[in-house]
Amino acid sequence: MAWGGSLNKEGSDHLRNLREADSVVKFLEELKRKLNDKEKQKVSETINIIVEHYTKESKNESLD
């Protein structure tokens, strides 16, 4: 990696998953613009679930 470290398979998988989650969140943010208020709320809740999951997972990875 650019910072001189190396990643095992789990670390590489985690980074790949983060990139995929980022793409999904970006898609959902764009989708929200086309929805009514009730639907926007549901999409926002979904985004929060994704962000909270990966925030928690990232903290657990840093503790290992």
PDB file of N, CA and C in Angstrom:
ATOM      1  N   MET A   1       0.836  -1.172   0.000  1.00  0.00           N
ATOM      2  CA  MET A   1       0.000   0.000   0.000  1.00  0.00           C
ATOM      3  C   MET A   1       0.886   1.242   0.000  1.00  0.00           C
ATOM      4  N   ALA A   2       0.312   2.333  -0.367  1.00  0.00           N
ATOM      5  CA  ALA A   2       1.060   3.577  -0.530  1.00  0.00           C
ATOM      6  C   ALA A   2       1.706   4.038   0.770  1.00  0.00           C
ATOM      7  N   TRP A   3       1.111   3.736   1.910  1.00  0.00           N
ATOM      8  CA  TRP A   3       1.659   4.198   3.173  1.00  0.00           C
ATOM      9  C   TRP A   3       2.688   3.221   3.743  1.00  0.00           C
ATOM     10  N   GLY A   4       2.979   2.182   2.995  1.00  0.00           N
ATOM     11  CA  GLY A   4       4.050   1.271   3.394  1.00  0.00           C
ATOM     12  C   GLY A   4       3.585   0.050   4.148  1.00  0.00           C
ATOM     13  N   GLY A   5       2.315  -0.049   4.440  1.00  0.00           N
ATOM     14  CA  GLY A   5       1.794  -1.211   5.149  1.00  0.00           C
ATOM     15  C   GLY A   5       1.328  -2.270   4.174  1.00  0.00           C
ATOM     16  N   SER A   6       0.972  -3.392   4.712  1.00  0.00           N
ATOM     17  CA  SER A   6       0.416  -4.439   3.865  1.00  0.00           C
ATOM     18  C   SER A   6      -0.902  -4.893   4.481  1.00  0.00           C
ATOM     19  N   LEU A   7      -1.753  -5.428   3.658  1.00  0.00           N
ATOM     20  CA  LEU A   7      -3.050  -5.890   4.130  1.00  0.00           C
ATOM     21  C   LEU A   7      -3.154  -7.389   3.931  1.00  0.00           C
ATOM     22  N   ASN A   8      -3.732  -8.035   4.925  1.00  0.00           N
ATOM     23  CA  ASN A   8      -4.060  -9.441   4.736  1.00  0.00           C
ATOM     24  C   ASN A   8      -5.373  -9.516   3.966  1.00  0.00           C
ATOM     25  N   LYS A   9      -5.850 -10.709   3.731  1.00  0.00           N
ATOM     26  CA  LYS A   9      -7.084 -10.883   2.952  1.00  0.00           C
ATOM     27  C   LYS A   9      -8.261 -10.167   3.599  1.00  0.00           C
ATOM     28  N   GLU A  10      -8.375 -10.255   4.922  1.00  0.00           N
ATOM     29  CA  GLU A  10      -9.492  -9.588   5.607  1.00  0.00           C
ATOM     30  C   GLU A  10      -9.436  -8.081   5.424  1.00  0.00           C
ATOM     31  N   GLY A  11      -8.251  -7.511   5.509  1.00  0.00           N
ATOM     32  CA  GLY A  11      -8.104  -6.070   5.327  1.00  0.00           C
ATOM     33  C   GLY A  11      -8.461  -5.651   3.914  1.00  0.00           C
ATOM     34  N   SER A  12      -8.009  -6.427   2.944  1.00  0.00           N
ATOM     35  CA  SER A  12      -8.336  -6.135   1.544  1.00  0.00           C
ATOM     36  C   SER A  12      -9.837  -6.259   1.300  1.00  0.00           C
ATOM     37  N   ASP A  13     -10.442  -7.295   1.859  1.00  0.00           N
ATOM     38  CA  ASP A  13     -11.896  -7.476   1.719  1.00  0.00           C
ATOM     39  C   ASP A  13     -12.644  -6.310   2.346  1.00  0.00           C
ATOM     40  N   HIS A  14     -12.170  -5.868   3.503  1.00  0.00           N
ATOM     41  CA  HIS A  14     -12.814  -4.759   4.209  1.00  0.00           C
ATOM     42  C   HIS A  14     -12.767  -3.487   3.353  1.00  0.00           C
ATOM     43  N   LEU A  15     -11.615  -3.200   2.769  1.00  0.00           N
ATOM     44  CA  LEU A  15     -11.503  -2.010   1.928  1.00  0.00           C
ATOM     45  C   LEU A  15     -12.387  -2.108   0.691  1.00  0.00           C
ATOM     46  N   ARG A  16     -12.448  -3.279   0.093  1.00  0.00           N
ATOM     47  CA  ARG A  16     -13.313  -3.480  -1.069  1.00  0.00           C
ATOM     48  C   ARG A  16     -14.781  -3.269  -0.676  1.00  0.00           C
ATOM     49  N   ASN A  17     -15.158  -3.805   0.465  1.00  0.00           N
ATOM     50  CA  ASN A  17     -16.531  -3.638   0.944  1.00  0.00           C
ATOM     51  C   ASN A  17     -16.848  -2.168   1.225  1.00  0.00           C
ATOM     52  N   LEU A  18     -15.878  -1.437   1.772  1.00  0.00           N
ATOM     53  CA  LEU A  18     -16.087  -0.013   2.019  1.00  0.00           C
ATOM     54  C   LEU A  18     -16.311   0.750   0.718  1.00  0.00           C
ATOM     55  N   ARG A  19     -15.542   0.417  -0.305  1.00  0.00           N
ATOM     56  CA  ARG A  19     -15.717   1.072  -1.611  1.00  0.00           C
ATOM     57  C   ARG A  19     -17.099   0.767  -2.173  1.00  0.00           C
ATOM     58  N   GLU A  20     -17.532  -0.479  -2.059  1.00  0.00           N
ATOM     59  CA  GLU A  20     -18.860  -0.860  -2.556  1.00  0.00           C
ATOM     60  C   GLU A  20     -19.958  -0.143  -1.772  1.00  0.00           C
ATOM     61  N   ALA A  21     -19.798  -0.076  -0.451  1.00  0.00           N
ATOM     62  CA  ALA A  21     -20.791   0.609   0.380  1.00  0.00           C
ATOM     63  C   ALA A  21     -20.849   2.091   0.023  1.00  0.00           C
ATOM     64  N   ASP A  22     -19.699   2.687  -0.241  1.00  0.00           N
ATOM     65  CA  ASP A  22     -19.656   4.088  -0.635  1.00  0.00           C
ATOM     66  C   ASP A  22     -20.428   4.305  -1.930  1.00  0.00           C
ATOM     67  N   SER A  23     -20.260   3.404  -2.879  1.00  0.00           N
ATOM     68  CA  SER A  23     -20.988   3.504  -4.144  1.00  0.00           C
ATOM     69  C   SER A  23     -22.495   3.391  -3.925  1.00  0.00           C
ATOM     70  N   VAL A  24     -22.899   2.488  -3.060  1.00  0.00           N
ATOM     71  CA  VAL A  24     -24.329   2.307  -2.768  1.00  0.00           C
ATOM     72  C   VAL A  24     -24.899   3.557  -2.109  1.00  0.00           C
ATOM     73  N   VAL A  25     -24.165   4.112  -1.149  1.00  0.00           N
ATOM     74  CA  VAL A  25     -24.635   5.316  -0.463  1.00  0.00           C
ATOM     75  C   VAL A  25     -24.754   6.477  -1.444  1.00  0.00           C
ATOM     76  N   LYS A  26     -23.787   6.625  -2.329  1.00  0.00           N
ATOM     77  CA  LYS A  26     -23.866   7.693  -3.339  1.00  0.00           C
ATOM     78  C   LYS A  26     -25.097   7.507  -4.226  1.00  0.00           C
ATOM     79  N   PHE A  27     -25.351   6.268  -4.635  1.00  0.00           N
ATOM     80  CA  PHE A  27     -26.537   5.983  -5.442  1.00  0.00           C
ATOM     81  C   PHE A  27     -27.809   6.344  -4.681  1.00  0.00           C
ATOM     82  N   LEU A  28     -27.886   5.933  -3.421  1.00  0.00           N
ATOM     83  CA  LEU A  28     -29.086   6.209  -2.631  1.00  0.00           C
ATOM     84  C   LEU A  28     -29.290   7.709  -2.424  1.00  0.00           C
ATOM     85  N   GLU A  29     -28.205   8.449  -2.240  1.00  0.00           N
ATOM     86  CA  GLU A  29     -28.322   9.905  -2.081  1.00  0.00           C
ATOM     87  C   GLU A  29     -28.896  10.538  -3.349  1.00  0.00           C
ATOM     88  N   GLU A  30     -28.467  10.072  -4.500  1.00  0.00           N
ATOM     89  CA  GLU A  30     -29.014  10.578  -5.763  1.00  0.00           C
ATOM     90  C   GLU A  30     -30.482  10.176  -5.916  1.00  0.00           C
ATOM     91  N   LEU A  31     -30.806   8.956  -5.553  1.00  0.00           N
ATOM     92  CA  LEU A  31     -32.176   8.468  -5.655  1.00  0.00           C
ATOM     93  C   LEU A  31     -33.132   9.286  -4.794  1.00  0.00           C
ATOM     94  N   LYS A  32     -32.680   9.693  -3.622  1.00  0.00           N
ATOM     95  CA  LYS A  32     -33.525  10.458  -2.702  1.00  0.00           C
ATOM     96  C   LYS A  32     -34.090  11.715  -3.349  1.00  0.00           C
ATOM     97  N   ARG A  33     -33.347  12.296  -4.263  1.00  0.00           N
ATOM     98  CA  ARG A  33     -33.792  13.538  -4.911  1.00  0.00           C
ATOM     99  C   ARG A  33     -35.074  13.345  -5.710  1.00  0.00           C
ATOM    100  N   LYS A  34     -35.350  12.109  -6.102  1.00  0.00           N
ATOM    101  CA  LYS A  34     -36.495  11.831  -6.970  1.00  0.00           C
ATOM    102  C   LYS A  34     -37.710  11.306  -6.206  1.00  0.00           C
ATOM    103  N   LEU A  35     -37.597  11.193  -4.899  1.00  0.00           N
ATOM    104  CA  LEU A  35     -38.631  10.532  -4.115  1.00  0.00           C
ATOM    105  C   LEU A  35     -39.476  11.521  -3.322  1.00  0.00           C
ATOM    106  N   ASN A  36     -40.621  11.022  -2.849  1.00  0.00           N
ATOM    107  CA  ASN A  36     -41.446  11.850  -1.972  1.00  0.00           C
ATOM    108  C   ASN A  36     -40.871  11.791  -0.552  1.00  0.00           C
ATOM    109  N   ASP A  37     -41.416  12.591   0.350  1.00  0.00           N
ATOM    110  CA  ASP A  37     -40.846  12.723   1.696  1.00  0.00           C
ATOM    111  C   ASP A  37     -40.808  11.405   2.467  1.00  0.00           C
ATOM    112  N   LYS A  38     -41.871  10.624   2.378  1.00  0.00           N
ATOM    113  CA  LYS A  38     -41.920   9.350   3.101  1.00  0.00           C
ATOM    114  C   LYS A  38     -40.838   8.394   2.575  1.00  0.00           C
ATOM    115  N   GLU A  39     -40.697   8.339   1.266  1.00  0.00           N
ATOM    116  CA  GLU A  39     -39.682   7.471   0.663  1.00  0.00           C
ATOM    117  C   GLU A  39     -38.272   7.971   0.993  1.00  0.00           C
ATOM    118  N   LYS A  40     -38.096   9.285   1.001  1.00  0.00           N
ATOM    119  CA  LYS A  40     -36.797   9.860   1.363  1.00  0.00           C
ATOM    120  C   LYS A  40     -36.384   9.431   2.765  1.00  0.00           C
ATOM    121  N   GLN A  41     -37.342   9.410   3.675  1.00  0.00           N
ATOM    122  CA  GLN A  41     -37.058   9.010   5.046  1.00  0.00           C
ATOM    123  C   GLN A  41     -36.576   7.563   5.106  1.00  0.00           C
ATOM    124  N   LYS A  42     -37.224   6.687   4.366  1.00  0.00           N
ATOM    125  CA  LYS A  42     -36.825   5.268   4.334  1.00  0.00           C
ATOM    126  C   LYS A  42     -35.414   5.107   3.764  1.00  0.00           C
ATOM    127  N   VAL A  43     -35.125   5.851   2.705  1.00  0.00           N
ATOM    128  CA  VAL A  43     -33.793   5.772   2.105  1.00  0.00           C
ATOM    129  C   VAL A  43     -32.749   6.311   3.084  1.00  0.00           C
ATOM    130  N   SER A  44     -33.072   7.385   3.779  1.00  0.00           N
ATOM    131  CA  SER A  44     -32.154   7.942   4.779  1.00  0.00           C
ATOM    132  C   SER A  44     -31.881   6.936   5.887  1.00  0.00           C
ATOM    133  N   GLU A  45     -32.909   6.237   6.318  1.00  0.00           N
ATOM    134  CA  GLU A  45     -32.732   5.204   7.346  1.00  0.00           C
ATOM    135  C   GLU A  45     -31.809   4.094   6.841  1.00  0.00           C
ATOM    136  N   THR A  46     -31.972   3.713   5.591  1.00  0.00           N
ATOM    137  CA  THR A  46     -31.124   2.683   4.995  1.00  0.00           C
ATOM    138  C   THR A  46     -29.678   3.148   4.944  1.00  0.00           C
ATOM    139  N   ILE A  47     -29.462   4.385   4.539  1.00  0.00           N
ATOM    140  CA  ILE A  47     -28.108   4.940   4.489  1.00  0.00           C
ATOM    141  C   ILE A  47     -27.490   4.921   5.885  1.00  0.00           C
ATOM    142  N   ASN A  48     -28.265   5.311   6.886  1.00  0.00           N
ATOM    143  CA  ASN A  48     -27.757   5.319   8.261  1.00  0.00           C
ATOM    144  C   ASN A  48     -27.362   3.921   8.727  1.00  0.00           C
ATOM    145  N   ILE A  49     -28.133   2.927   8.360  1.00  0.00           N
ATOM    146  CA  ILE A  49     -27.810   1.550   8.725  1.00  0.00           C
ATOM    147  C   ILE A  49     -26.468   1.145   8.116  1.00  0.00           C
ATOM    148  N   ILE A  50     -26.278   1.463   6.847  1.00  0.00           N
ATOM    149  CA  ILE A  50     -25.028   1.116   6.156  1.00  0.00           C
ATOM    150  C   ILE A  50     -23.847   1.822   6.820  1.00  0.00           C
ATOM    151  N   VAL A  51     -23.988   3.120   7.058  1.00  0.00           N
ATOM    152  CA  VAL A  51     -22.900   3.901   7.648  1.00  0.00           C
ATOM    153  C   VAL A  51     -22.572   3.399   9.051  1.00  0.00           C
ATOM    154  N   GLU A  52     -23.584   3.160   9.859  1.00  0.00           N
ATOM    155  CA  GLU A  52     -23.350   2.669  11.224  1.00  0.00           C
ATOM    156  C   GLU A  52     -22.660   1.309  11.210  1.00  0.00           C
ATOM    157  N   HIS A  53     -23.077   0.439  10.309  1.00  0.00           N
ATOM    158  CA  HIS A  53     -22.470  -0.896  10.222  1.00  0.00           C
ATOM    159  C   HIS A  53     -20.984  -0.794   9.919  1.00  0.00           C
ATOM    160  N   TYR A  54     -20.635  -0.021   8.906  1.00  0.00           N
ATOM    161  CA  TYR A  54     -19.228   0.065   8.519  1.00  0.00           C
ATOM    162  C   TYR A  54     -18.411   0.894   9.493  1.00  0.00           C
ATOM    163  N   THR A  55     -19.030   1.836  10.187  1.00  0.00           N
ATOM    164  CA  THR A  55     -18.320   2.578  11.230  1.00  0.00           C
ATOM    165  C   THR A  55     -17.957   1.634  12.368  1.00  0.00           C
ATOM    166  N   LYS A  56     -18.930   0.810  12.774  1.00  0.00           N
ATOM    167  CA  LYS A  56     -18.699  -0.171  13.828  1.00  0.00           C
ATOM    168  C   LYS A  56     -17.638  -1.173  13.399  1.00  0.00           C
ATOM    169  N   GLU A  57     -17.752  -1.659  12.160  1.00  0.00           N
ATOM    170  CA  GLU A  57     -16.813  -2.654  11.647  1.00  0.00           C
ATOM    171  C   GLU A  57     -15.402  -2.071  11.567  1.00  0.00           C
ATOM    172  N   SER A  58     -15.285  -0.816  11.163  1.00  0.00           N
ATOM    173  CA  SER A  58     -13.980  -0.177  11.058  1.00  0.00           C
ATOM    174  C   SER A  58     -13.336  -0.035  12.440  1.00  0.00           C
ATOM    175  N   LYS A  59     -14.132   0.292  13.443  1.00  0.00           N
ATOM    176  CA  LYS A  59     -13.604   0.403  14.800  1.00  0.00           C
ATOM    177  C   LYS A  59     -13.123  -0.958  15.283  1.00  0.00           C
ATOM    178  N   ASN A  60     -13.884  -2.001  14.989  1.00  0.00           N
ATOM    179  CA  ASN A  60     -13.482  -3.358  15.396  1.00  0.00           C
ATOM    180  C   ASN A  60     -12.199  -3.780  14.682  1.00  0.00           C
ATOM    181  N   GLU A  61     -12.053  -3.423  13.413  1.00  0.00           N
ATOM    182  CA  GLU A  61     -10.843  -3.761  12.658  1.00  0.00           C
ATOM    183  C   GLU A  61      -9.629  -3.075  13.265  1.00  0.00           C
ATOM    184  N   SER A  62      -9.793  -1.834  13.721  1.00  0.00           N
ATOM    185  CA  SER A  62      -8.654  -1.101  14.253  1.00  0.00           C
ATOM    186  C   SER A  62      -8.236  -1.638  15.625  1.00  0.00           C
ATOM    187  N   LEU A  63      -9.141  -2.316  16.314  1.00  0.00           N
ATOM    188  CA  LEU A  63      -8.811  -2.877  17.621  1.00  0.00           C
ATOM    189  C   LEU A  63      -8.087  -4.209  17.513  1.00  0.00           C
ATOM    190  N   ASP A  64      -8.229  -4.877  16.364  1.00  0.00           N
ATOM    191  CA  ASP A  64      -7.598  -6.190  16.183  1.00  0.00           C
ATOM    192  C   ASP A  64      -6.118  -6.092  15.951  1.00  0.00           C
TER     193      ASP A  64
END
